[in-house]
Amino acid sequence: MERLMQYIWQHRLWPATDMSTVDGRHVQVIDTGRLNTDSGPDFFNAKVRIGDQMWAGDVEIHVNASDWHRHGHDGDRAYESVILHVVGRDDTSIKRSDGQTIPQMRMPCTPDFSQSYRSLLDLAGHHLPCADEIKSMRQLDIHGWIDCLAYERLYRKAEHIGKLLADSAGDWESACYATTARGLGFGINSEPFERLALATPLRILHKHADSQLSMEAILFGQSGLLDDAPDTDAYVDLLKREYAFLSNKFALKRPHSPGWKMSRMRPPNFPHRRIAFLAALLFGGFRLMSRITGATSIEDARRLFSVELTGYWASHYTFGCGLDSGSAAVLGRGSIDTLIINVAVPLLHAYGCATGNLAMSDRAVEFLHNLGPEQNSVTRMFKENGLPCDDAFTSQALIQLRREYCEAKKCLFCRIGHRYLSQKTKRT
């Protein structure tokens, strides 16, 4: 509730009525001040006219006036500069250390404003209570918010790549390897795939990259999926013996509880063939990062992930279980495009930002504009509520909006949520 009150103060979302302190002096807010996200008063450098006197200083906001004492502000000199105490409930008066009473004002708010906010939060994780606002917003405002969200998601992915890069002592191929592994999880198994890659360093894999069997043995052994494989399968026996030798040679440690998910999943989407796909990329030496930076078109990028499997995995989707109709291609066109969105594009953008190559960063964004939109429950939900999605740039923005704002219930920080609450204030 206190955060909502801060939001109302920051954005002046109070009704157009006269405001006054609890002792009857007229209040005119000239400048709400600057929101403080650290310790100290909530807003710095505000300007407020109280009665016939102009005040410049800080503003503190509480649900109850008595929270001032409960939070220990009465013994904190940082709060000596507070010129106005804004409260939801006036249950006590507040004084400075010199005994002077701090002007206090009840938060001016329409009766149902907080109820509108609570309803927005209660429904945001499941539905779109702000759908009417989406439909009524100007296209210019919508497009501006979409741009911000898409770049926010892209920079967040680039930040994660930066952490992988730091952990690998600046080796871009290692960061690319871990990012590719994560991408092959396609959401549901992204975390287990990344744990697998981080527990299996690229430098070790490169020592036996001339052997496809070694690549598959190390990855399947590290994944833990070999443990439940049937002993009657000759290929499984070969992998186990190879992994036993290599894991001992390099003192490999498997990730604890990788957490593979396979329930309610179509067998071709099990992680097994995708691990085999990663092994195929590693066979002969992993140089995907250099190839990504050299890709100048969507077709170039698609060719990077158009890998066909040979041997056992050309005809099996898991250990001991063959495909109904043999297919050497692991990924369809849609899955390849998803890898471009989640692997190639963030790596291009991160590398461009790190090296000052703006053309490369721009190329990453161009790829998103040239790829079709992702088809999922999120894009369908927004489309049904007036937000069409024509390319991957927009679908990434909508996923960011849903995951980081709606589901996280950060409606106060969403432009659509802000408009929704602003309109509620005007209507009441």
Foldseek 3Di string as FASTA:
>chain_A
DQVVLLLCLQVVLFFPDWWAFPVGWTKDWPASAPADPDDAAGHFFTWMDTHNDIATTGEHEEQEPCVCVVVPVQVPVSCLRHQEYEYQYDPDWDAHPVGHTRTYTYRRHPPCLVVLLVVLQVCLQPAHPLLVLLQVDDPVVVVVLLLVLLVVLLVVLLVVLVVQCVVVVNDLLLSLLLLLQLLLCVPQLSQLSSLLSVLPGLVLLLVPLQDLLLQLLQSCVLSVQLVPFDPVFPSSVSSPVSNVVSCVVVVGDHDDCSPADDPPHDLLSGCNLVSSLSSQCSRPHNDLLVQLLVDQDPVSQLVSSFDFDDDPSQFPSGHPHGDPDGHRTSDDPLSSLSCCLRRSLSSQLSVCVVVVNVVSNVSSVVSQAPAADDDDPQQVSVVVSNDHGGTPSSNSSSVSCSPVDSSVVVLSPRPSSVVVSSVVSVVD
